[in-house]
Amino acid sequence: MASFGSYVAPVLVATATATIVALLAERHFAHGRGWLHRGFLDGAAIGSAAAIYFLALTKNPSSAIDPAIVDLAPGLRADQIPTTPERALSLVPFGEIGDLLSNSVSASVPLSQIGGNAVLFLPLTLALTARLRLPVARGVLVGIASVVLIEVLQFALGLGRVSSVDDVIVATPGIVLGAVLGRLLGRQRNSSSGPTRIRT
């Protein structure tokens, strides 16, 4: 899963909400301005892709020994310092989610982790579906393929993150919502940019 601090998930939710609101507002007020519509969608796609890279494709700090821990506990051997392996794979559905719910000290931890991963791919799926005018099913497939690609890269690059089937499960509701909203925006664009019929 992508690593979310206690503050990152609310920021991500706010970003996704702001993206949807901005796109809806642009669709309503910018009739006939195709370049503005495309600019909003391209910006949303680039911004969400950057967020995904930062949260899911950067090195996990806990995969290496933190010198600060060694300084605080000089008598601690290196093999006694908890670290995350560079490559970890979880193929049991809901296994990682169950561990997160049962072993977390605070309820905010699973909330931020699961909630953050649930909306992580929503803006990207929304933007790509609307920009490419994809059907909902294709938008969902693009979103799920994006999650699978991220998990493969996490494992291949040895980023110290767990490549988990639960990431696909958790991200799917947000992907579906993004594809539906993106399809609605695409339809509105088609109807607003179509030829004007003159009644005779």
Protein backbone atom coordinates (compact mmCIF):
# COMPACT_ATOMS: atom_id res chain seq x y z
CA MET A 1 0.00 0.00 0.00
CA ALA A 2 0.98 3.60 -0.40
CA SER A 3 2.22 5.17 2.81
CA PHE A 4 -0.09 7.82 4.24
CA GLY A 5 0.62 9.88 7.32
CA SER A 6 -2.20 11.07 9.53
CA TYR A 7 -2.47 14.29 7.53
CA VAL A 8 -1.91 13.03 3.98
CA ALA A 9 -5.22 11.19 3.52
CA PRO A 10 -7.42 14.23 4.34
CA VAL A 11 -5.31 16.33 1.99
CA LEU A 12 -5.70 13.72 -0.75
CA VAL A 13 -9.46 13.55 -0.21
CA ALA A 14 -9.65 17.34 -0.36
CA THR A 15 -7.57 17.34 -3.55
CA ALA A 16 -9.82 14.77 -5.21
CA THR A 17 -12.92 16.70 -4.16
CA ALA A 18 -11.48 19.98 -5.40
CA THR A 19 -10.59 18.33 -8.72
CA ILE A 20 -14.15 17.11 -9.20
CA VAL A 21 -15.65 20.44 -8.21
CA ALA A 22 -13.30 22.35 -10.51
CA LEU A 23 -14.06 20.09 -13.45
CA LEU A 24 -17.79 20.30 -12.86
CA ALA A 25 -17.60 24.08 -12.58
CA GLU A 26 -15.55 24.29 -15.76
CA ARG A 27 -18.05 22.09 -17.58
CA HIS A 28 -20.87 24.38 -16.48
CA PHE A 29 -19.29 27.78 -17.14
CA ALA A 30 -16.89 27.20 -20.03
CA HIS A 31 -19.18 26.12 -22.88
CA GLY A 32 -17.41 26.19 -26.21
CA ARG A 33 -13.92 26.57 -24.73
CA GLY A 34 -12.41 23.23 -25.62
CA TRP A 35 -8.86 24.30 -24.82
CA LEU A 36 -9.89 25.24 -21.28
CA HIS A 37 -11.66 21.93 -20.79
CA ARG A 38 -8.62 19.99 -22.02
CA GLY A 39 -6.34 22.10 -19.86
CA PHE A 40 -8.31 21.28 -16.72
CA LEU A 41 -8.29 17.57 -17.54
CA ASP A 42 -4.59 17.51 -18.40
CA GLY A 43 -3.76 19.39 -15.21
CA ALA A 44 -5.87 17.00 -13.13
CA ALA A 45 -4.21 13.97 -14.74
CA ILE A 46 -0.67 15.32 -14.26
CA GLY A 47 -1.34 16.41 -10.68
CA SER A 48 -2.87 13.10 -9.67
CA ALA A 49 -0.08 11.15 -11.38
CA ALA A 50 2.47 13.21 -9.44
CA ALA A 51 0.65 12.46 -6.18
CA ILE A 52 0.64 8.74 -7.00
CA TYR A 53 4.37 8.83 -7.73
CA PHE A 54 5.15 10.64 -4.48
CA LEU A 55 2.97 8.39 -2.31
CA ALA A 56 3.53 5.02 -3.98
CA LEU A 57 6.75 5.03 -6.02
CA THR A 58 9.26 6.64 -3.68
CA LYS A 59 11.51 4.73 -1.31
CA ASN A 60 9.83 3.75 1.94
CA PRO A 61 11.93 5.28 4.74
CA SER A 62 11.19 2.34 7.07
CA SER A 63 12.93 -0.06 4.67
CA ALA A 64 16.32 1.22 5.85
CA ILE A 65 17.86 1.53 9.29
CA ASP A 66 17.24 4.99 10.68
CA PRO A 67 20.46 6.42 12.18
CA ALA A 68 18.35 8.36 14.67
CA ILE A 69 17.15 5.08 16.18
CA VAL A 70 20.72 3.88 16.53
CA ASP A 71 21.70 7.14 18.24
CA LEU A 72 18.80 6.85 20.68
CA ALA A 73 19.56 3.21 21.47
CA PRO A 74 23.31 2.65 21.05
CA GLY A 75 23.13 -0.81 22.60
CA LEU A 76 20.65 -2.05 19.99
CA ARG A 77 22.05 -4.41 17.37
CA ALA A 78 21.27 -3.72 13.72
CA ASP A 79 19.24 -6.92 13.41
CA GLN A 80 17.04 -5.78 16.31
CA ILE A 81 15.94 -2.59 14.57
CA PRO A 82 12.59 -3.11 12.80
CA THR A 83 12.73 -2.48 9.06
CA THR A 84 10.52 -3.21 6.07
CA PRO A 85 12.01 -5.59 3.46
CA GLU A 86 12.78 -4.07 0.08
CA ARG A 87 10.38 -6.47 -1.63
CA ALA A 88 7.22 -7.85 -0.04
CA LEU A 89 4.28 -9.52 -1.73
CA SER A 90 0.77 -10.08 -0.35
CA LEU A 91 -1.56 -12.10 -2.57
CA VAL A 92 -4.17 -13.03 0.06
CA PRO A 93 -7.33 -10.95 -0.46
CA PHE A 94 -8.12 -8.76 2.58
CA GLY A 95 -5.10 -10.19 4.41
CA GLU A 96 -3.22 -6.91 4.69
CA ILE A 97 -6.46 -5.04 5.44
CA GLY A 98 -7.22 -7.47 8.27
CA ASP A 99 -3.75 -7.05 9.75
CA LEU A 100 -4.04 -3.29 9.53
CA LEU A 101 -7.42 -3.25 11.29
CA SER A 102 -6.43 -5.68 14.02
CA ASN A 103 -2.89 -4.53 14.77
CA SER A 104 -3.17 -0.74 14.52
CA VAL A 105 -2.70 1.17 17.75
CA SER A 106 -5.03 3.97 16.66
CA ALA A 107 -8.15 3.93 14.47
CA SER A 108 -6.72 6.83 12.48
CA VAL A 109 -4.02 4.58 11.02
CA PRO A 110 -6.29 2.19 9.08
CA LEU A 111 -8.60 5.08 8.27
CA SER A 112 -5.81 7.08 6.65
CA GLN A 113 -4.25 4.08 4.92
CA ILE A 114 -7.45 2.51 3.56
CA GLY A 115 -9.19 5.83 2.90
CA GLY A 116 -6.13 7.28 1.20
CA ASN A 117 -5.65 4.27 -1.06
CA ALA A 118 -9.39 4.24 -1.86
CA VAL A 119 -9.27 7.73 -3.40
CA LEU A 120 -5.69 7.71 -4.68
CA PHE A 121 -6.62 6.78 -8.25
CA LEU A 122 -9.99 8.56 -8.38
CA PRO A 123 -8.75 11.88 -9.88
CA LEU A 124 -6.52 10.13 -12.43
CA THR A 125 -9.32 7.81 -13.60
CA LEU A 126 -11.76 10.72 -13.76
CA ALA A 127 -9.40 12.87 -15.81
CA LEU A 128 -8.37 10.11 -18.24
CA THR A 129 -11.95 8.90 -18.76
CA ALA A 130 -13.19 12.42 -19.49
CA ARG A 131 -10.14 13.45 -21.54
CA LEU A 132 -10.18 10.34 -23.74
CA ARG A 133 -14.01 10.09 -23.62
CA LEU A 134 -13.85 6.46 -22.56
CA PRO A 135 -16.84 4.29 -21.69
CA VAL A 136 -17.16 3.54 -17.98
CA ALA A 137 -15.92 -0.04 -18.38
CA ARG A 138 -12.78 1.06 -20.21
CA GLY A 139 -12.17 3.81 -17.68
CA VAL A 140 -12.36 1.24 -14.89
CA LEU A 141 -9.96 -1.06 -16.75
CA VAL A 142 -7.50 1.80 -17.22
CA GLY A 143 -7.69 2.63 -13.51
CA ILE A 144 -7.22 -0.96 -12.39
CA ALA A 145 -4.36 -1.42 -14.87
CA SER A 146 -2.72 1.66 -13.35
CA VAL A 147 -2.92 0.15 -9.85
CA VAL A 148 -1.50 -3.17 -11.05
CA LEU A 149 1.36 -1.34 -12.80
CA ILE A 150 2.18 0.56 -9.61
CA GLU A 151 2.24 -2.68 -7.60
CA VAL A 152 4.54 -4.35 -10.15
CA LEU A 153 6.90 -1.36 -10.11
CA GLN A 154 6.96 -1.30 -6.31
CA PHE A 155 8.09 -4.92 -6.26
CA ALA A 156 10.48 -4.68 -9.23
CA LEU A 157 12.21 -1.53 -7.98
CA GLY A 158 12.53 -2.77 -4.38
CA LEU A 159 11.08 0.35 -2.81
CA GLY A 160 10.44 -1.22 0.59
CA ARG A 161 6.68 -1.30 0.04
CA VAL A 162 4.23 -4.19 0.10
CA SER A 163 2.87 -5.11 -3.33
CA SER A 164 -0.60 -6.26 -2.36
CA VAL A 165 -3.77 -7.47 -4.03
CA ASP A 166 -5.59 -5.47 -1.34
CA ASP A 167 -4.43 -2.27 -3.05
CA VAL A 168 -6.46 -3.22 -6.12
CA ILE A 169 -9.47 -4.12 -3.98
CA VAL A 170 -9.36 -0.91 -1.96
CA ALA A 171 -8.76 1.32 -5.00
CA THR A 172 -11.58 -0.18 -7.10
CA PRO A 173 -14.51 1.84 -5.60
CA GLY A 174 -12.66 5.11 -6.19
CA ILE A 175 -11.75 3.99 -9.72
CA VAL A 176 -15.36 3.14 -10.53
CA LEU A 177 -16.56 6.48 -9.16
CA GLY A 178 -13.89 8.32 -11.14
CA ALA A 179 -14.84 6.50 -14.36
CA VAL A 180 -18.55 7.27 -13.88
CA LEU A 181 -17.91 10.96 -13.18
CA GLY A 182 -15.45 11.17 -16.06
CA ARG A 183 -17.96 9.62 -18.42
CA LEU A 184 -20.62 12.11 -17.32
CA LEU A 185 -18.22 14.99 -17.97
CA GLY A 186 -17.36 13.57 -21.38
CA ARG A 187 -21.03 13.30 -22.31
CA GLN A 188 -21.71 16.86 -21.21
CA ARG A 189 -18.79 18.02 -23.33
CA ASN A 190 -20.12 16.20 -26.38
CA SER A 191 -23.59 17.69 -25.96
CA SER A 192 -22.29 21.24 -25.38
CA SER A 193 -19.83 21.16 -28.31
CA GLY A 194 -22.21 19.60 -30.79
CA PRO A 195 -23.69 21.53 -33.72
CA THR A 196 -26.50 23.87 -32.91
CA ARG A 197 -29.76 22.86 -34.51
CA ILE A 198 -31.92 25.60 -35.96
CA ARG A 199 -35.59 24.91 -35.89
CA THR A 200 -37.52 25.85 -38.98
